[in-house]
Amino acid sequence: MFRNTSRRNAASEAVSLHQDQALNTTMFLLKSLGPTGFLLREDGELGVVKVSLGDPHVCTCPAFTREQEPCKHICWVLLRRFRLPREHEYSFQRGLVDRQILEVLHGLHRTKDQRTEDGPAAPGTRRQAAGSVCRKAIRAEDVCPICQEALLEKRQPVSHCRSGCGNNVHVSCMKVWADHQRPSGSGDAVTCPLCRGDFSSLELLREQVRNAAKLFTASEREKPDRHLGVRCQSCRLCPVTGRCFKCTVCSFFYLCEGCSKEGGHPQHPLASRMKRSEKWHLKDGAMGATPRAADDRRE
């Protein structure tokens, strides 16, 4: 089979780093541009990037332009959107041929149960009133269609599609989705990212956003020393619980307390914090750390 990119047997160091970044970063799927094109925005960033899967994969971000390697955005699409395991051979290639793309689109790398759980809604979805659909129960495997993160794991306030499929979406993600759609007035309906029907009115969504801002979500109240989405790069524990350590030089390099005590990353100084809400502080005895990484709360 002819291909434009050479086949790899394992992930390169750069791709492995970008996979870590993808799994530890919240991104929003703003628009699907056909089956293999995606418009993404990273949480906290203003700009958007366009990802196109193919042979080779392409992204408009500066990191891809500079390295010509699958960036965190491409990795996010493969690992989050299509749920490829990071060790799957398709997850770290520089590109995929048409047959491989079709396998990814059809979810052939997943079990039968996993492939059927993503359907928008069963044909017999119950309606609680004329033009209003009941909320679907949230299952353990359900993910937000915009950030692609597990609904029960992230535990943020959710809303549901009231006129079409009844599926659940994070309120904060729907706000990002609605802002990207730019409805013209408060009475306009927001389109559902799954069934493309009317999700809700823009005014109702704004009210839900205001209410959500008043709440401490369950993920913030429960176990503040549980660092959601952070994986230890040594023992692969995820999420890290207890004191979490972060390299002040390498991007997105974390260690749990046990691996830190065993000298899991001796070449660079480490910063640490006990709770998610705390700032990073240099580990005792660490010298020469860069202030940027030590005090960065977003990574």
Protein backbone atom coordinates (compact mmCIF):
# COMPACT_ATOMS: atom_id res chain seq x y z
CA MET A 1 0.00 0.00 0.00
CA PHE A 2 1.48 3.36 -1.06
CA ARG A 3 1.68 5.99 1.64
CA ASN A 4 3.22 9.45 1.90
CA THR A 5 4.52 8.99 5.44
CA SER A 6 6.73 6.19 6.74
CA ARG A 7 5.24 3.73 9.23
CA ARG A 8 6.40 3.81 12.85
CA ASN A 9 6.61 0.91 15.27
CA ALA A 10 6.48 3.10 18.39
CA ALA A 11 5.73 6.66 19.41
CA SER A 12 8.60 9.10 19.15
CA GLU A 13 9.58 11.10 22.22
CA ALA A 14 7.94 14.20 20.76
CA VAL A 15 4.65 12.42 19.99
CA SER A 16 4.61 10.80 23.44
CA LEU A 17 4.96 14.28 24.99
CA HIS A 18 2.17 15.62 22.79
CA GLN A 19 -0.05 12.71 23.82
CA ASP A 20 0.52 13.63 27.47
CA GLN A 21 -0.36 17.23 26.67
CA ALA A 22 -3.53 16.17 24.86
CA LEU A 23 -4.72 14.01 27.75
CA ASN A 24 -3.96 16.71 30.33
CA THR A 25 -5.49 19.63 28.42
CA THR A 26 -9.14 20.60 28.02
CA MET A 27 -10.02 21.37 24.42
CA PHE A 28 -13.32 22.21 22.80
CA LEU A 29 -14.54 20.71 19.54
CA LEU A 30 -16.16 23.74 17.94
CA LYS A 31 -16.98 22.34 14.52
CA SER A 32 -16.56 19.20 12.44
CA LEU A 33 -15.38 19.93 8.91
CA GLY A 34 -16.48 16.72 7.28
CA PRO A 35 -15.47 13.37 8.77
CA THR A 36 -11.75 14.15 9.09
CA GLY A 37 -11.57 17.91 9.73
CA PHE A 38 -12.00 19.55 13.13
CA LEU A 39 -11.96 23.09 14.47
CA LEU A 40 -10.60 23.15 18.04
CA ARG A 41 -10.02 25.71 20.76
CA GLU A 42 -7.90 25.06 23.83
CA ASP A 43 -9.32 26.09 27.19
CA GLY A 44 -7.90 29.50 28.14
CA GLU A 45 -6.81 30.33 24.60
CA LEU A 46 -8.53 32.75 22.22
CA GLY A 47 -7.38 31.36 18.90
CA VAL A 48 -8.68 28.28 17.11
CA VAL A 49 -6.78 25.61 15.20
CA LYS A 50 -7.83 23.37 12.34
CA VAL A 51 -6.89 19.69 12.38
CA SER A 52 -7.15 17.49 9.29
CA LEU A 53 -6.53 13.76 9.48
CA GLY A 54 -4.91 12.16 6.45
CA ASP A 55 -1.57 11.15 5.03
CA PRO A 56 -0.02 13.17 6.56
CA HIS A 57 -2.08 14.67 9.38
CA VAL A 58 -2.06 18.47 9.36
CA CYS A 59 -2.67 21.14 12.01
CA THR A 60 -2.51 24.91 11.77
CA CYS A 61 -0.82 25.35 15.17
CA PRO A 62 2.77 26.70 15.40
CA ALA A 63 4.06 23.49 17.03
CA PHE A 64 3.05 21.37 14.05
CA THR A 65 4.43 23.92 11.59
CA ARG A 66 7.73 23.87 13.46
CA GLU A 67 8.10 20.13 14.18
CA GLN A 68 6.03 18.44 11.45
CA GLU A 69 5.04 15.86 14.07
CA PRO A 70 1.55 15.04 15.39
CA CYS A 71 0.92 17.92 17.81
CA LYS A 72 -1.27 17.90 20.92
CA HIS A 73 -4.28 18.91 18.82
CA ILE A 74 -3.90 15.97 16.42
CA CYS A 75 -3.28 13.68 19.38
CA TRP A 76 -6.40 15.04 21.10
CA VAL A 77 -8.55 14.21 18.08
CA LEU A 78 -7.17 10.66 17.92
CA LEU A 79 -7.13 9.94 21.67
CA ARG A 80 -10.19 11.89 22.85
CA ARG A 81 -12.51 12.24 19.87
CA PHE A 82 -11.95 8.76 18.44
CA ARG A 83 -10.76 7.18 21.71
CA LEU A 84 -7.75 5.44 20.25
CA PRO A 85 -5.59 3.94 23.02
CA ARG A 86 -2.30 5.83 23.11
CA GLU A 87 -0.42 2.58 22.49
CA HIS A 88 -2.50 1.76 19.37
CA GLU A 89 -0.33 1.86 16.26
CA TYR A 90 -2.62 4.40 14.57
CA SER A 91 -2.30 6.91 17.45
CA PHE A 92 1.35 7.88 16.86
CA GLN A 93 1.73 7.74 13.06
CA ARG A 94 2.45 10.94 11.14
CA GLY A 95 -0.43 10.03 8.85
CA LEU A 96 -2.99 7.35 8.03
CA VAL A 97 -4.03 6.02 4.62
CA ASP A 98 -7.68 5.92 3.54
CA ARG A 99 -8.31 2.37 4.81
CA GLN A 100 -6.91 3.21 8.23
CA ILE A 101 -8.90 6.45 8.39
CA LEU A 102 -12.09 4.49 7.70
CA GLU A 103 -11.25 2.04 10.47
CA VAL A 104 -10.84 4.94 12.90
CA LEU A 105 -14.07 6.62 11.75
CA HIS A 106 -16.03 3.39 12.14
CA GLY A 107 -14.46 2.66 15.54
CA LEU A 108 -13.15 -0.76 14.54
CA HIS A 109 -10.46 -0.44 17.22
CA ARG A 110 -13.19 -0.49 19.89
CA THR A 111 -15.45 -3.22 21.21
CA LYS A 112 -19.02 -3.58 19.96
CA ASP A 113 -20.42 -2.14 23.19
CA GLN A 114 -18.12 0.90 22.94
CA ARG A 115 -19.16 1.53 19.34
CA THR A 116 -22.87 1.52 20.16
CA GLU A 117 -22.69 3.75 23.24
CA ASP A 118 -22.11 6.93 21.20
CA GLY A 119 -25.45 6.97 19.38
CA PRO A 120 -27.31 10.27 19.82
CA ALA A 121 -30.41 8.71 21.32
CA ALA A 122 -32.63 5.70 21.09
CA PRO A 123 -35.59 6.07 18.69
CA GLY A 124 -37.99 5.85 21.62
CA THR A 125 -36.59 8.78 23.62
CA ARG A 126 -39.32 9.87 26.01
CA ARG A 127 -40.78 13.35 25.84
CA GLN A 128 -41.87 15.07 29.01
CA ALA A 129 -43.97 17.72 27.24
CA ALA A 130 -44.79 18.83 23.73
CA GLY A 131 -41.50 19.68 22.05
CA SER A 132 -39.45 18.79 25.14
CA VAL A 133 -37.25 15.69 25.53
CA CYS A 134 -36.38 14.09 28.86
CA ARG A 135 -32.76 14.14 29.93
CA LYS A 136 -30.95 10.87 29.27
CA ALA A 137 -29.43 9.19 32.31
CA ILE A 138 -25.66 9.73 32.51
CA ARG A 139 -23.72 6.47 32.25
CA ALA A 140 -20.17 5.85 33.38
CA GLU A 141 -18.89 5.81 29.79
CA ASP A 142 -20.67 8.99 28.64
CA VAL A 143 -18.49 11.90 27.54
CA CYS A 144 -19.22 15.53 26.77
CA PRO A 145 -19.34 15.83 22.95
CA ILE A 146 -17.47 19.15 23.04
CA CYS A 147 -14.54 18.57 25.45
CA GLN A 148 -14.68 14.75 25.08
CA GLU A 149 -14.11 14.28 28.83
CA ALA A 150 -16.12 11.85 30.98
CA LEU A 151 -19.22 13.52 32.42
CA LEU A 152 -19.15 11.62 35.71
CA GLU A 153 -15.40 12.01 36.18
CA LYS A 154 -15.25 15.76 35.61
CA ARG A 155 -18.49 16.36 37.53
CA GLN A 156 -19.30 19.79 36.21
CA PRO A 157 -22.88 21.09 35.84
CA VAL A 158 -24.58 19.69 32.73
CA SER A 159 -27.48 20.63 30.51
CA HIS A 160 -29.29 18.48 27.98
CA CYS A 161 -30.76 18.74 24.49
CA ARG A 162 -34.42 19.58 25.03
CA SER A 163 -35.78 19.24 21.50
CA GLY A 164 -33.80 16.43 19.92
CA CYS A 165 -31.64 13.71 21.44
CA GLY A 166 -31.77 14.37 25.21
CA ASN A 167 -28.00 13.93 25.56
CA ASN A 168 -26.01 15.69 28.27
CA VAL A 169 -23.34 18.35 27.73
CA HIS A 170 -21.29 20.43 30.16
CA VAL A 171 -22.90 23.83 30.65
CA SER A 172 -19.51 25.56 30.33
CA CYS A 173 -18.81 23.70 27.07
CA MET A 174 -22.20 24.66 25.63
CA LYS A 175 -21.35 28.29 26.41
CA VAL A 176 -18.14 27.96 24.36
CA TRP A 177 -20.13 26.23 21.59
CA ALA A 178 -22.81 28.96 21.59
CA ASP A 179 -20.21 31.75 21.56
CA HIS A 180 -18.64 30.18 18.49
CA GLN A 181 -22.03 29.95 16.76
CA ARG A 182 -22.67 33.65 17.56
CA PRO A 183 -26.49 33.65 17.58
CA SER A 184 -27.95 37.00 16.67
CA GLY A 185 -30.36 37.40 19.58
CA SER A 186 -31.37 36.06 22.99
CA GLY A 187 -34.38 34.26 21.52
CA ASP A 188 -32.32 32.22 19.06
CA ALA A 189 -31.98 28.50 19.68
CA VAL A 190 -28.56 26.96 20.23
CA THR A 191 -27.83 23.97 17.97
CA CYS A 192 -27.11 20.63 19.63
CA PRO A 193 -23.54 19.45 18.87
CA LEU A 194 -24.80 15.87 18.54
CA CYS A 195 -28.17 15.75 16.76
CA ARG A 196 -28.00 19.30 15.25
CA GLY A 197 -31.50 19.97 16.54
CA ASP A 198 -32.43 22.83 18.87
CA PHE A 199 -30.53 22.25 22.12
CA SER A 200 -32.22 25.09 24.04
CA SER A 201 -32.83 28.80 23.78
CA LEU A 202 -29.81 31.05 24.18
CA GLU A 203 -31.48 32.80 27.13
CA LEU A 204 -31.98 29.48 28.96
CA LEU A 205 -28.34 28.57 28.38
CA ARG A 206 -27.22 31.95 29.74
CA GLU A 207 -29.33 31.37 32.85
CA GLN A 208 -27.73 27.94 33.33
CA VAL A 209 -24.27 29.50 32.98
CA ARG A 210 -25.13 32.07 35.66
CA ASN A 211 -26.43 29.36 38.00
CA ALA A 212 -23.40 27.14 37.38
CA ALA A 213 -21.07 30.01 38.29
CA LYS A 214 -22.62 30.11 41.75
CA LEU A 215 -21.90 26.47 42.45
CA PHE A 216 -18.83 24.66 43.70
CA THR A 217 -18.85 21.58 41.54
CA ALA A 218 -18.53 18.14 43.09
CA SER A 219 -15.07 17.71 41.62
CA GLU A 220 -13.89 20.81 43.49
CA ARG A 221 -15.57 19.94 46.80
CA GLU A 222 -14.56 16.30 46.79
CA LYS A 223 -10.93 15.32 47.43
CA PRO A 224 -9.11 18.59 46.62
CA ASP A 225 -5.80 16.66 46.70
CA ARG A 226 -6.92 14.61 43.68
CA HIS A 227 -5.22 16.23 40.68
CA LEU A 228 -7.77 15.52 37.94
CA GLY A 229 -6.31 14.70 34.54
CA VAL A 230 -2.69 14.59 35.78
CA ARG A 231 -0.70 11.40 35.11
CA CYS A 232 2.55 10.38 36.81
CA GLN A 233 5.12 10.00 34.04
CA SER A 234 6.94 7.26 35.95
CA CYS A 235 4.34 4.83 37.35
CA ARG A 236 1.50 6.11 35.06
CA LEU A 237 -0.86 6.66 38.00
CA CYS A 238 -3.79 8.84 36.91
CA PRO A 239 -4.93 11.01 38.48
CA VAL A 240 -2.11 11.77 40.90
CA THR A 241 -3.45 11.94 44.47
CA GLY A 242 -1.72 13.67 47.36
CA ARG A 243 1.33 15.81 46.75
CA CYS A 244 1.92 16.29 43.04
CA PHE A 245 5.30 17.21 41.57
CA LYS A 246 5.92 19.04 38.29
CA CYS A 247 9.13 19.58 36.35
CA THR A 248 10.06 23.27 36.12
CA VAL A 249 11.76 22.75 32.76
CA CYS A 250 9.87 20.02 30.85
CA SER A 251 6.33 20.84 29.77
CA PHE A 252 3.58 18.63 31.18
CA PHE A 253 5.93 16.35 33.16
CA TYR A 254 4.39 15.25 36.48
CA LEU A 255 5.34 12.78 39.21
CA CYS A 256 3.49 11.38 42.20
CA GLU A 257 5.11 11.72 45.63
CA GLY A 258 6.36 8.13 45.67
CA CYS A 259 8.15 8.40 42.33
CA SER A 260 9.57 11.80 43.32
CA LYS A 261 11.14 10.28 46.45
CA GLU A 262 12.66 7.55 44.29
CA GLY A 263 14.40 10.17 42.14
CA GLY A 264 12.17 9.72 39.12
CA HIS A 265 13.39 12.90 37.37
CA PRO A 266 16.76 13.94 38.84
CA GLN A 267 17.96 16.07 35.91
CA HIS A 268 15.65 19.05 36.59
CA PRO A 269 14.26 20.90 39.65
CA LEU A 270 10.69 20.08 40.68
CA ALA A 271 7.81 22.18 41.98
CA SER A 272 4.98 20.71 44.02
CA ARG A 273 1.53 21.35 45.39
CA MET A 274 -0.85 19.40 47.61
CA LYS A 275 -4.20 20.72 46.34
CA ARG A 276 -5.43 21.59 42.86
CA SER A 277 -6.26 25.13 43.93
CA GLU A 278 -2.75 25.88 45.24
CA LYS A 279 0.10 27.50 43.37
CA TRP A 280 3.18 25.47 42.53
CA HIS A 281 6.07 25.83 45.01
CA LEU A 282 9.68 24.82 44.44
CA LYS A 283 10.66 21.58 46.10
CA ASP A 284 13.03 22.09 49.04
CA GLY A 285 16.59 22.21 47.82
CA ALA A 286 15.67 22.80 44.18
CA MET A 287 17.89 25.36 42.47
CA GLY A 288 17.84 27.06 39.12
CA ALA A 289 14.15 26.53 38.34
CA THR A 290 12.47 28.69 35.78
CA PRO A 291 9.83 30.99 37.31
CA ARG A 292 7.46 30.40 34.39
CA ALA A 293 6.96 26.70 35.06
CA ALA A 294 7.14 26.90 38.83
CA ASP A 295 4.27 29.33 39.16
CA ASP A 296 2.13 28.26 36.22
CA ARG A 297 -1.22 27.02 37.52
CA ARG A 298 -2.66 26.12 34.13
CA GLU A 299 -0.35 23.19 33.36
